[in-house]
Amino acid sequence: MRSLGYSDWLMVGMACFLEIVGFAFFLQRNGEEDAFWFYYVFHLATILPLFYITYKKFKEVFDGGWIQSFYFFGLIIVFVPFVSVWGVILGMIWPYTHPKPDKEKDAWNSLSMPDLPYRAVSINPSVPISFASLRQILEAASDTNKKLKAILLSRQLPRKERIRLLQKALVDTDDEVRLLAYSLLEDIEKEISERIITLQKELKRGGSDKACRETNFLIAQGFWDLAYLGIAQQDLKKHFLNEAKRYLLEVLQFEESGNAWFLLGRIELHRERYQDAERAFKKAMDLEVSDREVLPWLAEAVFYQGRYDEVNALLTQYRNLGQVVGALRPIVDFWTGDASVHHA
């Protein structure tokens, strides 16, 4: 319950005293003219203590400043003798100190957000899945339930393919499909961002040089994931790439790491700095990063520089390392002119 201070109650008592004394004198003189003016002077004197209290407690109501508020409040006291004083006390000050208890209950029950989708979807975990099959369901299926199942099954895919599938679902015409895809993408982004924040806090706490290098590399990897996996777009993607490079340079300043050079090459490739990317990939290969990992990226950097003969040589070298599978297979077949691999 709100309350008034001693000085506030003193002001209320003063106002009541002035009003009662003045009105009693007026009644004692049987309403004579001199008695009326005597009462009226006492009545006007109640303006100061009552205005002091109301302006102090209801300042947010009087938004015109204290001068305009005093003028407005004074008019009420001046033109409404006797009743106005008790009206202010009983209508404003008393309710302020004795607010009505809130006994009303909410008109609704608060519920937590249910997990998407809003209706149960049965999934058989033993069914083998692939990115191509789930993408085909999203493109061709007319049944919303089938699309929802495809999106939920995408959790079994590698993160990159899962994000590609979810991004495709974002342009679906069905609201439930779009909502579920957005929810899952948001979860991935939140997971990576929280991991980056945790690592940055660890970095601030300090530690050995080796631990700091490892933490810098993990932070750079996190920013790279946000950029490369397609979660961030345009300016935000550029920011993530720049941050990833900044943390990687902290690593390379004190250690020649093949993995760091390899990651830096991929970052520079996406920043469209193809010569820097080529240099980083070659440095990674010199530091014994697997040729099978680096060659496709190096071929891409060379391709963007227009050196197509070298693209053919690099992808031929890549093909000779072993069987080509996945999305790279048709690309390698095209550049090496070997259709037998494709039709095998």
Protein backbone atom coordinates (compact mmCIF):
# COMPACT_ATOMS: atom_id res chain seq x y z
CA MET A 1 0.00 0.00 0.00
CA ARG A 2 1.31 3.48 -0.86
CA SER A 3 1.60 5.96 2.00
CA LEU A 4 2.19 9.66 2.68
CA GLY A 5 5.06 11.03 4.72
CA TYR A 6 4.67 13.00 7.93
CA SER A 7 5.05 16.30 6.08
CA ASP A 8 2.35 15.23 3.61
CA TRP A 9 -0.09 14.39 6.40
CA LEU A 10 0.75 17.71 8.05
CA MET A 11 -0.26 19.49 4.85
CA VAL A 12 -3.53 17.55 4.71
CA GLY A 13 -4.25 18.42 8.35
CA MET A 14 -3.48 22.08 7.69
CA ALA A 15 -5.87 22.20 4.75
CA CYS A 16 -8.63 20.53 6.79
CA PHE A 17 -8.01 22.88 9.71
CA LEU A 18 -8.18 26.01 7.57
CA GLU A 19 -11.32 24.88 5.81
CA ILE A 20 -13.12 23.84 9.02
CA VAL A 21 -12.16 27.01 10.98
CA GLY A 22 -13.20 29.27 8.14
CA PHE A 23 -16.51 27.51 7.55
CA ALA A 24 -17.29 27.33 11.29
CA PHE A 25 -16.70 31.08 11.62
CA PHE A 26 -19.03 31.67 8.65
CA LEU A 27 -21.80 29.57 10.25
CA GLN A 28 -21.31 31.22 13.64
CA ARG A 29 -21.93 34.67 12.10
CA ASN A 30 -25.07 33.37 10.37
CA GLY A 31 -23.70 33.91 6.90
CA GLU A 32 -22.81 37.61 7.23
CA GLU A 33 -20.87 39.14 4.33
CA ASP A 34 -17.77 39.82 6.41
CA ALA A 35 -17.87 36.25 7.71
CA PHE A 36 -18.08 34.93 4.13
CA TRP A 37 -14.95 36.80 3.07
CA PHE A 38 -13.18 35.61 6.22
CA TYR A 39 -14.09 32.03 5.29
CA TYR A 40 -13.10 32.56 1.67
CA VAL A 41 -9.61 33.74 2.63
CA PHE A 42 -9.15 30.60 4.74
CA HIS A 43 -10.55 28.54 1.87
CA LEU A 44 -8.05 30.00 -0.61
CA ALA A 45 -5.24 29.28 1.84
CA THR A 46 -5.93 25.55 1.41
CA ILE A 47 -4.66 25.76 -2.17
CA LEU A 48 -0.98 25.68 -1.17
CA PRO A 49 -0.90 22.54 1.03
CA LEU A 50 -3.27 20.58 -1.21
CA PHE A 51 -1.42 21.50 -4.39
CA TYR A 52 1.89 20.58 -2.74
CA ILE A 53 0.66 17.06 -2.02
CA THR A 54 -1.15 16.37 -5.31
CA TYR A 55 1.63 17.75 -7.50
CA LYS A 56 4.21 15.74 -5.55
CA LYS A 57 2.30 12.46 -5.81
CA PHE A 58 0.68 12.91 -9.24
CA LYS A 59 3.44 14.79 -11.01
CA GLU A 60 3.16 12.62 -14.13
CA VAL A 61 -0.49 13.70 -14.50
CA PHE A 62 0.35 17.41 -14.48
CA ASP A 63 2.40 17.40 -17.68
CA GLY A 64 2.16 21.17 -18.27
CA GLY A 65 4.65 22.15 -15.57
CA TRP A 66 3.96 23.34 -12.03
CA ILE A 67 2.86 26.86 -13.01
CA GLN A 68 0.11 25.71 -15.38
CA SER A 69 -0.81 22.93 -12.96
CA PHE A 70 -1.10 25.40 -10.06
CA TYR A 71 -3.28 27.67 -12.19
CA PHE A 72 -5.59 24.78 -13.11
CA PHE A 73 -5.71 23.42 -9.56
CA GLY A 74 -6.32 26.89 -8.11
CA LEU A 75 -9.33 27.46 -10.35
CA ILE A 76 -10.98 24.34 -8.93
CA ILE A 77 -10.47 25.55 -5.34
CA VAL A 78 -11.49 29.14 -6.08
CA PHE A 79 -14.76 28.43 -7.87
CA VAL A 80 -15.91 25.44 -5.81
CA PRO A 81 -15.90 26.53 -2.16
CA PHE A 82 -15.94 23.94 0.62
CA VAL A 83 -16.75 20.95 -1.62
CA SER A 84 -13.52 21.22 -3.63
CA VAL A 85 -11.27 20.72 -0.60
CA TRP A 86 -13.01 17.56 0.53
CA GLY A 87 -13.25 16.40 -3.07
CA VAL A 88 -9.47 16.61 -3.46
CA ILE A 89 -8.86 14.85 -0.14
CA LEU A 90 -11.44 12.09 -0.65
CA GLY A 91 -11.14 11.81 -4.43
CA MET A 92 -7.36 11.94 -4.88
CA ILE A 93 -5.39 11.63 -1.66
CA TRP A 94 -7.46 8.87 -0.03
CA PRO A 95 -7.53 6.61 -3.12
CA TYR A 96 -3.78 7.16 -3.48
CA THR A 97 -3.11 5.76 0.00
CA HIS A 98 -5.81 3.06 -0.24
CA PRO A 99 -5.73 1.62 -3.78
CA LYS A 100 -8.39 -0.87 -4.76
CA PRO A 101 -7.00 -4.42 -4.59
CA ASP A 102 -6.73 -6.11 -7.97
CA LYS A 103 -8.96 -9.14 -7.64
CA GLU A 104 -9.53 -9.65 -11.35
CA LYS A 105 -7.98 -12.70 -12.91
CA ASP A 106 -6.40 -12.80 -16.31
CA ALA A 107 -8.80 -13.50 -19.11
CA TRP A 108 -6.40 -16.11 -20.49
CA ASN A 109 -3.90 -18.69 -19.30
CA SER A 110 -0.28 -18.15 -20.23
CA LEU A 111 1.17 -21.04 -22.22
CA SER A 112 4.73 -21.60 -23.33
CA MET A 113 5.45 -21.76 -27.05
CA PRO A 114 5.01 -25.37 -28.21
CA ASP A 115 7.72 -27.11 -30.16
CA LEU A 116 7.23 -26.86 -33.90
CA PRO A 117 5.39 -28.30 -35.74
CA TYR A 118 2.21 -27.81 -33.75
CA ARG A 119 0.86 -31.21 -34.59
CA ALA A 120 2.66 -34.49 -34.10
CA VAL A 121 4.59 -35.88 -37.04
CA SER A 122 5.71 -39.50 -36.91
CA ILE A 123 9.23 -40.21 -38.15
CA ASN A 124 10.87 -43.55 -38.80
CA PRO A 125 14.56 -43.13 -37.85
CA SER A 126 15.56 -46.30 -39.68
CA VAL A 127 14.71 -44.87 -43.12
CA PRO A 128 17.92 -43.89 -44.98
CA ILE A 129 17.92 -40.25 -46.06
CA SER A 130 19.96 -38.01 -48.30
CA PHE A 131 19.98 -34.35 -49.21
CA ALA A 132 18.73 -35.08 -52.73
CA SER A 133 15.77 -37.14 -51.54
CA LEU A 134 14.66 -34.57 -48.97
CA ARG A 135 15.04 -31.76 -51.49
CA GLN A 136 12.89 -33.73 -53.94
CA ILE A 137 10.16 -34.04 -51.29
CA LEU A 138 10.19 -30.29 -50.66
CA GLU A 139 9.99 -29.53 -54.37
CA ALA A 140 7.41 -32.10 -55.44
CA ALA A 141 5.27 -33.08 -52.43
CA SER A 142 1.86 -31.47 -52.12
CA ASP A 143 1.21 -32.83 -48.63
CA THR A 144 2.33 -30.49 -45.82
CA ASN A 145 2.99 -33.41 -43.47
CA LYS A 146 5.50 -34.92 -45.90
CA LYS A 147 7.35 -31.60 -46.12
CA LEU A 148 7.41 -31.27 -42.35
CA LYS A 149 8.83 -34.79 -42.06
CA ALA A 150 11.52 -33.92 -44.60
CA ILE A 151 12.52 -30.84 -42.62
CA LEU A 152 12.70 -32.75 -39.35
CA LEU A 153 14.71 -35.54 -40.99
CA SER A 154 17.21 -32.92 -42.15
CA ARG A 155 18.63 -33.01 -38.61
CA GLN A 156 20.40 -36.22 -39.64
CA LEU A 157 22.21 -34.46 -42.49
CA PRO A 158 25.58 -32.73 -42.20
CA ARG A 159 25.18 -29.17 -41.01
CA LYS A 160 25.94 -27.57 -44.38
CA GLU A 161 23.41 -29.71 -46.27
CA ARG A 162 20.86 -29.23 -43.50
CA ILE A 163 21.11 -25.46 -43.81
CA ARG A 164 20.82 -25.60 -47.61
CA LEU A 165 17.65 -27.65 -47.25
CA LEU A 166 16.20 -25.33 -44.61
CA GLN A 167 16.94 -22.27 -46.73
CA LYS A 168 15.07 -23.91 -49.59
CA ALA A 169 12.13 -24.51 -47.26
CA LEU A 170 12.03 -20.81 -46.37
CA VAL A 171 10.57 -20.01 -49.80
CA ASP A 172 7.90 -22.70 -49.62
CA THR A 173 4.30 -21.59 -50.10
CA ASP A 174 3.12 -23.37 -46.95
CA ASP A 175 3.25 -21.26 -43.78
CA GLU A 176 3.91 -24.21 -41.47
CA VAL A 177 6.85 -25.36 -43.57
CA ARG A 178 8.41 -21.89 -43.60
CA LEU A 179 7.89 -21.42 -39.88
CA LEU A 180 9.49 -24.74 -38.97
CA ALA A 181 12.47 -24.13 -41.27
CA TYR A 182 13.04 -20.68 -39.81
CA SER A 183 12.88 -22.07 -36.28
CA LEU A 184 15.51 -24.74 -37.00
CA LEU A 185 17.81 -22.27 -38.77
CA GLU A 186 17.52 -19.88 -35.85
CA ASP A 187 18.50 -22.67 -33.46
CA ILE A 188 21.67 -23.39 -35.46
CA GLU A 189 22.65 -19.72 -35.57
CA LYS A 190 21.98 -19.31 -31.86
CA GLU A 191 24.08 -22.39 -31.04
CA ILE A 192 27.07 -21.12 -33.01
CA SER A 193 26.77 -17.56 -31.68
CA GLU A 194 26.61 -18.73 -28.07
CA ARG A 195 29.69 -20.88 -28.63
CA ILE A 196 31.57 -17.87 -30.02
CA ILE A 197 30.60 -15.72 -27.04
CA THR A 198 31.76 -18.43 -24.61
CA LEU A 199 35.10 -18.74 -26.39
CA GLN A 200 35.59 -14.96 -26.42
CA LYS A 201 35.08 -14.89 -22.65
CA GLU A 202 37.64 -17.65 -22.26
CA LEU A 203 40.06 -15.66 -24.39
CA LYS A 204 39.65 -12.58 -22.18
CA ARG A 205 40.46 -14.63 -19.09
CA GLY A 206 43.82 -15.42 -20.67
CA GLY A 207 45.93 -18.55 -20.40
CA SER A 208 48.93 -20.15 -22.03
CA ASP A 209 49.98 -19.09 -25.53
CA LYS A 210 48.95 -22.45 -26.92
CA ALA A 211 45.50 -22.25 -25.31
CA CYS A 212 44.99 -18.73 -26.67
CA ARG A 213 45.95 -19.83 -30.18
CA GLU A 214 43.53 -22.73 -30.03
CA THR A 215 40.74 -20.47 -28.76
CA ASN A 216 41.42 -17.91 -31.50
CA PHE A 217 41.20 -20.65 -34.09
CA LEU A 218 37.89 -21.96 -32.69
CA ILE A 219 36.40 -18.45 -32.69
CA ALA A 220 37.52 -17.96 -36.29
CA GLN A 221 35.96 -21.34 -37.16
CA GLY A 222 32.69 -20.21 -35.57
CA PHE A 223 32.54 -16.97 -37.57
CA TRP A 224 33.42 -18.96 -40.69
CA ASP A 225 30.55 -21.35 -40.02
CA LEU A 226 28.11 -18.45 -39.71
CA ALA A 227 29.31 -17.04 -43.02
CA TYR A 228 29.97 -20.13 -45.12
CA LEU A 229 26.96 -22.17 -44.08
CA GLY A 230 24.65 -19.51 -45.48
CA ILE A 231 23.07 -18.32 -42.25
CA ALA A 232 24.31 -14.74 -42.65
CA GLN A 233 23.72 -12.66 -45.75
CA GLN A 234 25.35 -9.64 -47.42
CA ASP A 235 26.92 -7.12 -45.00
CA LEU A 236 26.58 -9.41 -42.01
CA LYS A 237 28.35 -12.17 -43.94
CA LYS A 238 31.21 -9.79 -44.76
CA HIS A 239 31.47 -8.88 -41.09
CA PHE A 240 31.68 -12.55 -40.09
CA LEU A 241 34.38 -13.20 -42.69
CA ASN A 242 36.40 -10.20 -41.53
CA GLU A 243 36.12 -11.32 -37.90
CA ALA A 244 37.16 -14.86 -38.83
CA LYS A 245 40.23 -13.53 -40.64
CA ARG A 246 41.13 -11.26 -37.71
CA TYR A 247 41.17 -14.14 -35.24
CA LEU A 248 43.07 -16.37 -37.68
CA LEU A 249 45.81 -13.78 -38.10
CA GLU A 250 46.26 -13.86 -34.31
CA VAL A 251 47.00 -17.56 -34.67
CA LEU A 252 49.32 -17.24 -37.67
CA GLN A 253 51.26 -14.43 -36.03
CA PHE A 254 52.84 -16.93 -33.63
CA GLU A 255 52.37 -20.32 -35.32
CA GLU A 256 52.57 -21.75 -38.83
CA SER A 257 49.42 -23.87 -38.77
CA GLY A 258 48.32 -25.74 -41.87
CA ASN A 259 44.69 -25.83 -40.73
CA ALA A 260 44.75 -22.08 -40.06
CA TRP A 261 46.16 -21.39 -43.56
CA PHE A 262 43.54 -23.69 -45.09
CA LEU A 263 40.73 -21.86 -43.27
CA LEU A 264 42.22 -18.50 -44.22
CA GLY A 265 42.25 -19.57 -47.87
CA ARG A 266 38.53 -20.39 -47.75
CA ILE A 267 37.82 -17.07 -46.09
CA GLU A 268 39.78 -15.13 -48.70
CA LEU A 269 37.99 -17.06 -51.44
CA HIS A 270 34.62 -15.91 -50.12
CA ARG A 271 35.97 -12.39 -49.73
CA GLU A 272 36.75 -12.60 -53.48
CA ARG A 273 40.48 -12.14 -52.90
CA TYR A 274 41.47 -15.01 -55.11
CA GLN A 275 45.23 -14.48 -55.23
CA ASP A 276 45.40 -14.34 -51.43
CA ALA A 277 43.24 -17.46 -51.29
CA GLU A 278 45.54 -19.30 -53.71
CA ARG A 279 48.58 -18.31 -51.68
CA ALA A 280 46.94 -19.54 -48.45
CA PHE A 281 45.92 -22.88 -49.99
CA LYS A 282 49.42 -23.53 -51.28
CA LYS A 283 50.82 -22.66 -47.88
CA ALA A 284 48.41 -25.15 -46.29
CA MET A 285 49.57 -27.88 -48.68
CA ASP A 286 53.21 -27.10 -47.84
CA LEU A 287 52.30 -27.63 -44.18
CA GLU A 288 50.95 -31.09 -45.00
CA VAL A 289 47.22 -30.46 -45.10
CA SER A 290 45.68 -33.24 -47.18
CA ASP A 291 45.76 -32.57 -50.94
CA ARG A 292 42.35 -34.19 -51.19
CA GLU A 293 40.94 -31.43 -48.95
CA VAL A 294 42.76 -28.49 -50.50
CA LEU A 295 42.79 -29.21 -54.25
CA PRO A 296 39.08 -28.49 -54.97
CA TRP A 297 39.34 -25.17 -53.16
CA LEU A 298 42.60 -24.29 -54.90
CA ALA A 299 41.03 -25.15 -58.26
CA GLU A 300 38.16 -22.77 -57.48
CA ALA A 301 40.56 -19.93 -56.63
CA VAL A 302 42.47 -20.54 -59.87
CA PHE A 303 39.20 -20.70 -61.85
CA TYR A 304 38.15 -17.23 -60.71
CA GLN A 305 41.49 -15.91 -61.93
CA GLY A 306 40.77 -17.30 -65.41
CA ARG A 307 43.59 -19.90 -65.49
CA TYR A 308 41.47 -22.75 -66.81
CA ASP A 309 44.33 -25.04 -67.85
CA GLU A 310 45.46 -25.11 -64.24
CA VAL A 311 41.91 -25.92 -63.13
CA ASN A 312 42.01 -28.99 -65.37
CA ALA A 313 45.40 -30.04 -64.00
CA LEU A 314 44.38 -29.58 -60.36
CA LEU A 315 41.11 -31.50 -60.73
CA THR A 316 42.88 -34.27 -62.65
CA GLN A 317 45.31 -34.52 -59.76
CA TYR A 318 42.36 -34.61 -57.40
CA ARG A 319 40.66 -37.38 -59.36
CA ASN A 320 43.83 -39.46 -59.31
CA LEU A 321 43.80 -39.42 -55.50
CA GLY A 322 40.81 -41.76 -55.43
CA GLN A 323 37.14 -42.12 -56.27
CA VAL A 324 35.24 -38.84 -56.58
CA VAL A 325 31.88 -38.80 -54.84
CA GLY A 326 29.22 -36.29 -53.92
CA ALA A 327 28.58 -32.91 -55.49
CA LEU A 328 32.13 -32.63 -56.85
CA ARG A 329 31.73 -35.65 -59.12
CA PRO A 330 30.03 -33.95 -62.11
CA ILE A 331 32.36 -30.94 -61.79
CA VAL A 332 35.48 -33.10 -61.89
CA ASP A 333 34.02 -35.11 -64.79
CA PHE A 334 33.41 -31.94 -66.78
CA TRP A 335 36.87 -30.46 -66.30
CA THR A 336 38.81 -33.69 -66.74
CA GLY A 337 36.69 -34.96 -69.64
CA ASP A 338 36.25 -38.35 -67.96
CA ALA A 339 32.64 -39.44 -68.45
CA SER A 340 33.37 -42.97 -67.30
CA VAL A 341 33.45 -41.93 -63.67
CA HIS A 342 30.08 -40.28 -64.02
CA HIS A 343 28.44 -43.30 -65.66
CA ALA A 344 30.15 -45.94 -63.58
